[in-house]
Amino acid sequence: MALATLDAGFRAVAGLTGTLGVACLATILIGLIVTWTGYIRRVRWAWLVMFVLAWAWAFPLFALPFLTARWVLTFPEVLYSAIHEAGVPRVAVESVLIFLLMVIALLLPIKSFLVGGIEGAGHRPSWKLIGGSAVSLLLLVIGLLAWIHLRVYEIPPDALRSWQQLPPPPPPPTRDSNCR
């Protein structure tokens, strides 16, 4: 019903955005199924599929538009604005952080896929293969994304001071109420 109140161009953009959202979810689902199947069997093409998804699909969609844009704000201003208010800076920082998470997830199993060779299908990857700095970076990016996305609800100053304001005075009495 909300789309009916929009202009025809905005309705078309909203419909296209919904369609692209479904297409993105389908791409993610297919990529997850393919890579998870290959990851369990520890075949090298699974890492290649993850690499192609990260750099050919996610990078142009999530990071490239914001990395090539001309910003008026400095990086600390963009980060501050992303934390404290909704808008383009928040979307930009969240998109770049999501892409960064994909790159970190791509780099974490690289030793078991490419350097360490292929193990048996029943062998589970060891935590020794994952570097401590990569895990720390992963946790840092997840924490920053959560801090930006799940910020504390802020009460506007007017609402905070509302208890200090006196209520409006009652209306003056009418002549009919005085006569009785």
C-alpha atoms as a PDB file:
ATOM      1  CA  MET A   1       0.000   0.000   0.000  1.00  0.00           C
ATOM      2  CA  ALA A   2       2.888   2.382   0.693  1.00  0.00           C
ATOM      3  CA  LEU A   3       4.127   1.985  -2.889  1.00  0.00           C
ATOM      4  CA  ALA A   4       0.815   3.257  -4.269  1.00  0.00           C
ATOM      5  CA  THR A   5       1.514   6.719  -2.848  1.00  0.00           C
ATOM      6  CA  LEU A   6       4.861   6.980  -4.632  1.00  0.00           C
ATOM      7  CA  ASP A   7       5.597   8.450  -8.035  1.00  0.00           C
ATOM      8  CA  ALA A   8       5.834   5.944 -10.917  1.00  0.00           C
ATOM      9  CA  GLY A   9       9.640   6.247 -11.066  1.00  0.00           C
ATOM     10  CA  PHE A  10      10.017   5.590  -7.362  1.00  0.00           C
ATOM     11  CA  ARG A  11       7.659   2.611  -7.615  1.00  0.00           C
ATOM     12  CA  ALA A  12       9.792   1.176 -10.408  1.00  0.00           C
ATOM     13  CA  VAL A  13      12.987   1.671  -8.393  1.00  0.00           C
ATOM     14  CA  ALA A  14      11.385   0.071  -5.311  1.00  0.00           C
ATOM     15  CA  GLY A  15      10.231  -2.913  -7.381  1.00  0.00           C
ATOM     16  CA  LEU A  16      13.680  -3.281  -8.977  1.00  0.00           C
ATOM     17  CA  THR A  17      15.327  -3.070  -5.553  1.00  0.00           C
ATOM     18  CA  GLY A  18      13.095  -5.867  -4.284  1.00  0.00           C
ATOM     19  CA  THR A  19      13.870  -8.013  -7.325  1.00  0.00           C
ATOM     20  CA  LEU A  20      17.606  -7.404  -6.961  1.00  0.00           C
ATOM     21  CA  GLY A  21      17.356  -8.287  -3.275  1.00  0.00           C
ATOM     22  CA  VAL A  22      15.821 -11.649  -4.139  1.00  0.00           C
ATOM     23  CA  ALA A  23      18.495 -12.203  -6.807  1.00  0.00           C
ATOM     24  CA  CYS A  24      21.231 -11.391  -4.271  1.00  0.00           C
ATOM     25  CA  LEU A  25      19.758 -13.821  -1.758  1.00  0.00           C
ATOM     26  CA  ALA A  26      19.610 -16.511  -4.446  1.00  0.00           C
ATOM     27  CA  THR A  27      23.264 -15.869  -5.358  1.00  0.00           C
ATOM     28  CA  ILE A  28      24.275 -16.064  -1.698  1.00  0.00           C
ATOM     29  CA  LEU A  29      22.319 -19.294  -1.213  1.00  0.00           C
ATOM     30  CA  ILE A  30      23.819 -20.953  -4.303  1.00  0.00           C
ATOM     31  CA  GLY A  31      27.302 -19.809  -3.316  1.00  0.00           C
ATOM     32  CA  LEU A  32      26.861 -21.132   0.216  1.00  0.00           C
ATOM     33  CA  ILE A  33      25.612 -24.514  -0.974  1.00  0.00           C
ATOM     34  CA  VAL A  34      28.419 -24.913  -3.508  1.00  0.00           C
ATOM     35  CA  THR A  35      31.190 -23.727  -1.220  1.00  0.00           C
ATOM     36  CA  TRP A  36      29.954 -25.592   1.837  1.00  0.00           C
ATOM     37  CA  THR A  37      29.795 -28.846  -0.102  1.00  0.00           C
ATOM     38  CA  GLY A  38      33.289 -28.299  -1.436  1.00  0.00           C
ATOM     39  CA  TYR A  39      34.574 -27.015   1.895  1.00  0.00           C
ATOM     40  CA  ILE A  40      33.441 -30.164   3.705  1.00  0.00           C
ATOM     41  CA  ARG A  41      35.285 -32.275   1.131  1.00  0.00           C
ATOM     42  CA  ARG A  42      38.211 -29.782   1.146  1.00  0.00           C
ATOM     43  CA  VAL A  43      38.465 -29.485  -2.612  1.00  0.00           C
ATOM     44  CA  ARG A  44      40.327 -26.515  -4.029  1.00  0.00           C
ATOM     45  CA  TRP A  45      37.565 -25.303  -6.325  1.00  0.00           C
ATOM     46  CA  ALA A  46      35.488 -24.377  -3.269  1.00  0.00           C
ATOM     47  CA  TRP A  47      38.014 -21.684  -2.368  1.00  0.00           C
ATOM     48  CA  LEU A  48      37.986 -20.499  -5.986  1.00  0.00           C
ATOM     49  CA  VAL A  49      34.180 -20.187  -5.884  1.00  0.00           C
ATOM     50  CA  MET A  50      34.453 -18.186  -2.657  1.00  0.00           C
ATOM     51  CA  PHE A  51      37.103 -15.974  -4.276  1.00  0.00           C
ATOM     52  CA  VAL A  52      34.935 -15.314  -7.344  1.00  0.00           C
ATOM     53  CA  LEU A  53      31.879 -14.557  -5.180  1.00  0.00           C
ATOM     54  CA  ALA A  54      33.844 -12.146  -3.015  1.00  0.00           C
ATOM     55  CA  TRP A  55      35.647 -10.238  -5.755  1.00  0.00           C
ATOM     56  CA  ALA A  56      33.350 -10.519  -8.799  1.00  0.00           C
ATOM     57  CA  TRP A  57      29.991 -10.219  -7.040  1.00  0.00           C
ATOM     58  CA  ALA A  58      30.390  -8.681  -3.572  1.00  0.00           C
ATOM     59  CA  PHE A  59      33.136  -6.131  -4.265  1.00  0.00           C
ATOM     60  CA  PRO A  60      31.311  -4.289  -7.086  1.00  0.00           C
ATOM     61  CA  LEU A  61      28.057  -4.458  -5.138  1.00  0.00           C
ATOM     62  CA  PHE A  62      29.176  -3.620  -1.589  1.00  0.00           C
ATOM     63  CA  ALA A  63      32.481  -1.772  -1.621  1.00  0.00           C
ATOM     64  CA  LEU A  64      33.242  -0.300  -5.046  1.00  0.00           C
ATOM     65  CA  PRO A  65      30.484   2.363  -5.128  1.00  0.00           C
ATOM     66  CA  PHE A  66      31.603   3.778  -1.788  1.00  0.00           C
ATOM     67  CA  LEU A  67      35.339   3.487  -2.375  1.00  0.00           C
ATOM     68  CA  THR A  68      35.169   5.333  -5.710  1.00  0.00           C
ATOM     69  CA  ALA A  69      32.748   8.045  -4.537  1.00  0.00           C
ATOM     70  CA  ARG A  70      33.964  11.560  -3.799  1.00  0.00           C
ATOM     71  CA  TRP A  71      33.477  12.180  -0.100  1.00  0.00           C
ATOM     72  CA  VAL A  72      33.122  15.626   1.405  1.00  0.00           C
ATOM     73  CA  LEU A  73      33.614  14.247   4.900  1.00  0.00           C
ATOM     74  CA  THR A  74      36.905  12.932   6.257  1.00  0.00           C
ATOM     75  CA  PHE A  75      37.199   9.315   7.373  1.00  0.00           C
ATOM     76  CA  PRO A  76      36.743  10.108  11.102  1.00  0.00           C
ATOM     77  CA  GLU A  77      33.676  12.217  10.244  1.00  0.00           C
ATOM     78  CA  VAL A  78      32.215   9.393   8.152  1.00  0.00           C
ATOM     79  CA  LEU A  79      32.843   6.910  10.968  1.00  0.00           C
ATOM     80  CA  TYR A  80      31.327   9.249  13.581  1.00  0.00           C
ATOM     81  CA  SER A  81      28.314   9.902  11.365  1.00  0.00           C
ATOM     82  CA  ALA A  82      27.882   6.162  10.720  1.00  0.00           C
ATOM     83  CA  ILE A  83      27.816   5.460  14.447  1.00  0.00           C
ATOM     84  CA  HIS A  84      25.513   8.282  15.499  1.00  0.00           C
ATOM     85  CA  GLU A  85      22.964   8.757  12.707  1.00  0.00           C
ATOM     86  CA  ALA A  86      21.313   6.984   9.820  1.00  0.00           C
ATOM     87  CA  GLY A  87      22.139   7.924   6.259  1.00  0.00           C
ATOM     88  CA  VAL A  88      24.662   7.394   3.485  1.00  0.00           C
ATOM     89  CA  PRO A  89      27.738   7.226   5.758  1.00  0.00           C
ATOM     90  CA  ARG A  90      26.191   4.394   7.800  1.00  0.00           C
ATOM     91  CA  VAL A  91      25.238   2.431   4.663  1.00  0.00           C
ATOM     92  CA  ALA A  92      28.727   2.969   3.238  1.00  0.00           C
ATOM     93  CA  VAL A  93      30.566   1.834   6.359  1.00  0.00           C
ATOM     94  CA  GLU A  94      28.273  -1.183   6.843  1.00  0.00           C
ATOM     95  CA  SER A  95      28.704  -2.229   3.195  1.00  0.00           C
ATOM     96  CA  VAL A  96      32.486  -1.947   3.303  1.00  0.00           C
ATOM     97  CA  LEU A  97      32.592  -3.856   6.618  1.00  0.00           C
ATOM     98  CA  ILE A  98      30.407  -6.636   5.198  1.00  0.00           C
ATOM     99  CA  PHE A  99      32.763  -6.942   2.227  1.00  0.00           C
ATOM    100  CA  LEU A 100      35.734  -6.921   4.605  1.00  0.00           C
ATOM    101  CA  LEU A 101      34.127  -9.795   6.519  1.00  0.00           C
ATOM    102  CA  MET A 102      33.856 -11.723   3.251  1.00  0.00           C
ATOM    103  CA  VAL A 103      37.536 -11.120   2.493  1.00  0.00           C
ATOM    104  CA  ILE A 104      38.571 -12.235   5.989  1.00  0.00           C
ATOM    105  CA  ALA A 105      36.384 -15.340   5.620  1.00  0.00           C
ATOM    106  CA  LEU A 106      38.145 -15.957   2.309  1.00  0.00           C
ATOM    107  CA  LEU A 107      41.588 -15.658   3.879  1.00  0.00           C
ATOM    108  CA  LEU A 108      40.945 -17.800   6.970  1.00  0.00           C
ATOM    109  CA  PRO A 109      40.898 -21.218   5.239  1.00  0.00           C
ATOM    110  CA  ILE A 110      43.545 -20.385   2.616  1.00  0.00           C
ATOM    111  CA  LYS A 111      46.228 -22.407   4.390  1.00  0.00           C
ATOM    112  CA  SER A 112      44.133 -25.565   4.514  1.00  0.00           C
ATOM    113  CA  PHE A 113      43.061 -25.264   0.876  1.00  0.00           C
ATOM    114  CA  LEU A 114      46.074 -23.984  -0.999  1.00  0.00           C
ATOM    115  CA  VAL A 115      49.181 -24.221   1.173  1.00  0.00           C
ATOM    116  CA  GLY A 116      48.535 -27.288   3.307  1.00  0.00           C
ATOM    117  CA  GLY A 117      47.219 -29.439   0.509  1.00  0.00           C
ATOM    118  CA  ILE A 118      44.085 -31.492   0.440  1.00  0.00           C
ATOM    119  CA  GLU A 119      43.413 -33.640   3.475  1.00  0.00           C
ATOM    120  CA  GLY A 120      41.113 -36.628   3.652  1.00  0.00           C
ATOM    121  CA  ALA A 121      37.391 -36.019   3.374  1.00  0.00           C
ATOM    122  CA  GLY A 122      36.816 -37.061   6.995  1.00  0.00           C
ATOM    123  CA  HIS A 123      39.499 -34.751   8.437  1.00  0.00           C
ATOM    124  CA  ARG A 124      38.209 -31.624  10.146  1.00  0.00           C
ATOM    125  CA  PRO A 125      40.244 -28.420   9.814  1.00  0.00           C
ATOM    126  CA  SER A 126      42.371 -27.647  12.835  1.00  0.00           C
ATOM    127  CA  TRP A 127      42.235 -24.308  14.672  1.00  0.00           C
ATOM    128  CA  LYS A 128      46.037 -24.274  14.367  1.00  0.00           C
ATOM    129  CA  LEU A 129      45.592 -23.521  10.657  1.00  0.00           C
ATOM    130  CA  ILE A 130      43.818 -20.286  11.488  1.00  0.00           C
ATOM    131  CA  GLY A 131      46.151 -17.485  12.460  1.00  0.00           C
ATOM    132  CA  GLY A 132      45.508 -15.565  15.668  1.00  0.00           C
ATOM    133  CA  SER A 133      45.789 -12.191  13.929  1.00  0.00           C
ATOM    134  CA  ALA A 134      43.157 -13.140  11.349  1.00  0.00           C
ATOM    135  CA  VAL A 135      40.733 -14.164  14.072  1.00  0.00           C
ATOM    136  CA  SER A 136      41.443 -10.938  15.965  1.00  0.00           C
ATOM    137  CA  LEU A 137      40.803  -8.933  12.804  1.00  0.00           C
ATOM    138  CA  LEU A 138      37.603 -10.875  12.193  1.00  0.00           C
ATOM    139  CA  LEU A 139      36.363 -10.163  15.719  1.00  0.00           C
ATOM    140  CA  LEU A 140      37.323  -6.494  15.388  1.00  0.00           C
ATOM    141  CA  VAL A 141      35.362  -6.088  12.148  1.00  0.00           C
ATOM    142  CA  ILE A 142      32.336  -7.924  13.558  1.00  0.00           C
ATOM    143  CA  GLY A 143      32.457  -5.749  16.689  1.00  0.00           C
ATOM    144  CA  LEU A 144      32.676  -2.539  14.655  1.00  0.00           C
ATOM    145  CA  LEU A 145      29.803  -3.646  12.435  1.00  0.00           C
ATOM    146  CA  ALA A 146      27.672  -4.503  15.460  1.00  0.00           C
ATOM    147  CA  TRP A 147      28.571  -1.192  17.114  1.00  0.00           C
ATOM    148  CA  ILE A 148      27.469   0.749  14.050  1.00  0.00           C
ATOM    149  CA  HIS A 149      24.413  -1.338  13.249  1.00  0.00           C
ATOM    150  CA  LEU A 150      23.110  -1.987  16.760  1.00  0.00           C
ATOM    151  CA  ARG A 151      23.750   1.415  18.291  1.00  0.00           C
ATOM    152  CA  VAL A 152      22.061   2.473  21.504  1.00  0.00           C
ATOM    153  CA  TYR A 153      18.667   4.092  21.089  1.00  0.00           C
ATOM    154  CA  GLU A 154      19.017   7.801  21.734  1.00  0.00           C
ATOM    155  CA  ILE A 155      16.244   9.837  23.337  1.00  0.00           C
ATOM    156  CA  PRO A 156      15.995  13.356  21.883  1.00  0.00           C
ATOM    157  CA  PRO A 157      16.819  16.175  24.331  1.00  0.00           C
ATOM    158  CA  ASP A 158      13.268  17.557  24.129  1.00  0.00           C
ATOM    159  CA  ALA A 159      11.887  14.244  25.364  1.00  0.00           C
ATOM    160  CA  LEU A 160      14.435  14.156  28.185  1.00  0.00           C
ATOM    161  CA  ARG A 161      13.365  17.602  29.407  1.00  0.00           C
ATOM    162  CA  SER A 162       9.644  17.011  28.978  1.00  0.00           C
ATOM    163  CA  TRP A 163       9.085  16.252  32.676  1.00  0.00           C
ATOM    164  CA  GLN A 164      10.578  19.649  33.575  1.00  0.00           C
ATOM    165  CA  GLN A 165       8.035  21.597  31.556  1.00  0.00           C
ATOM    166  CA  LEU A 166       4.800  22.674  33.150  1.00  0.00           C
ATOM    167  CA  PRO A 167       1.593  21.466  31.581  1.00  0.00           C
ATOM    168  CA  PRO A 168      -0.454  24.079  29.742  1.00  0.00           C
ATOM    169  CA  PRO A 169      -2.886  25.996  31.950  1.00  0.00           C
ATOM    170  CA  PRO A 170      -6.502  24.837  32.022  1.00  0.00           C
ATOM    171  CA  PRO A 171      -8.952  26.739  29.834  1.00  0.00           C
ATOM    172  CA  PRO A 172     -10.794  29.624  31.504  1.00  0.00           C
ATOM    173  CA  PRO A 173     -14.186  28.757  32.974  1.00  0.00           C
ATOM    174  CA  THR A 174     -17.236  29.426  30.860  1.00  0.00           C
ATOM    175  CA  ARG A 175     -20.129  31.609  32.030  1.00  0.00           C
ATOM    176  CA  ASP A 176     -22.527  28.654  32.234  1.00  0.00           C
ATOM    177  CA  SER A 177     -20.400  26.832  34.820  1.00  0.00           C
ATOM    178  CA  ASN A 178     -20.294  29.934  37.119  1.00  0.00           C
ATOM    179  CA  CYS A 179     -24.058  30.438  37.135  1.00  0.00           C
ATOM    180  CA  ARG A 180     -24.920  27.110  38.676  1.00  0.00           C
END
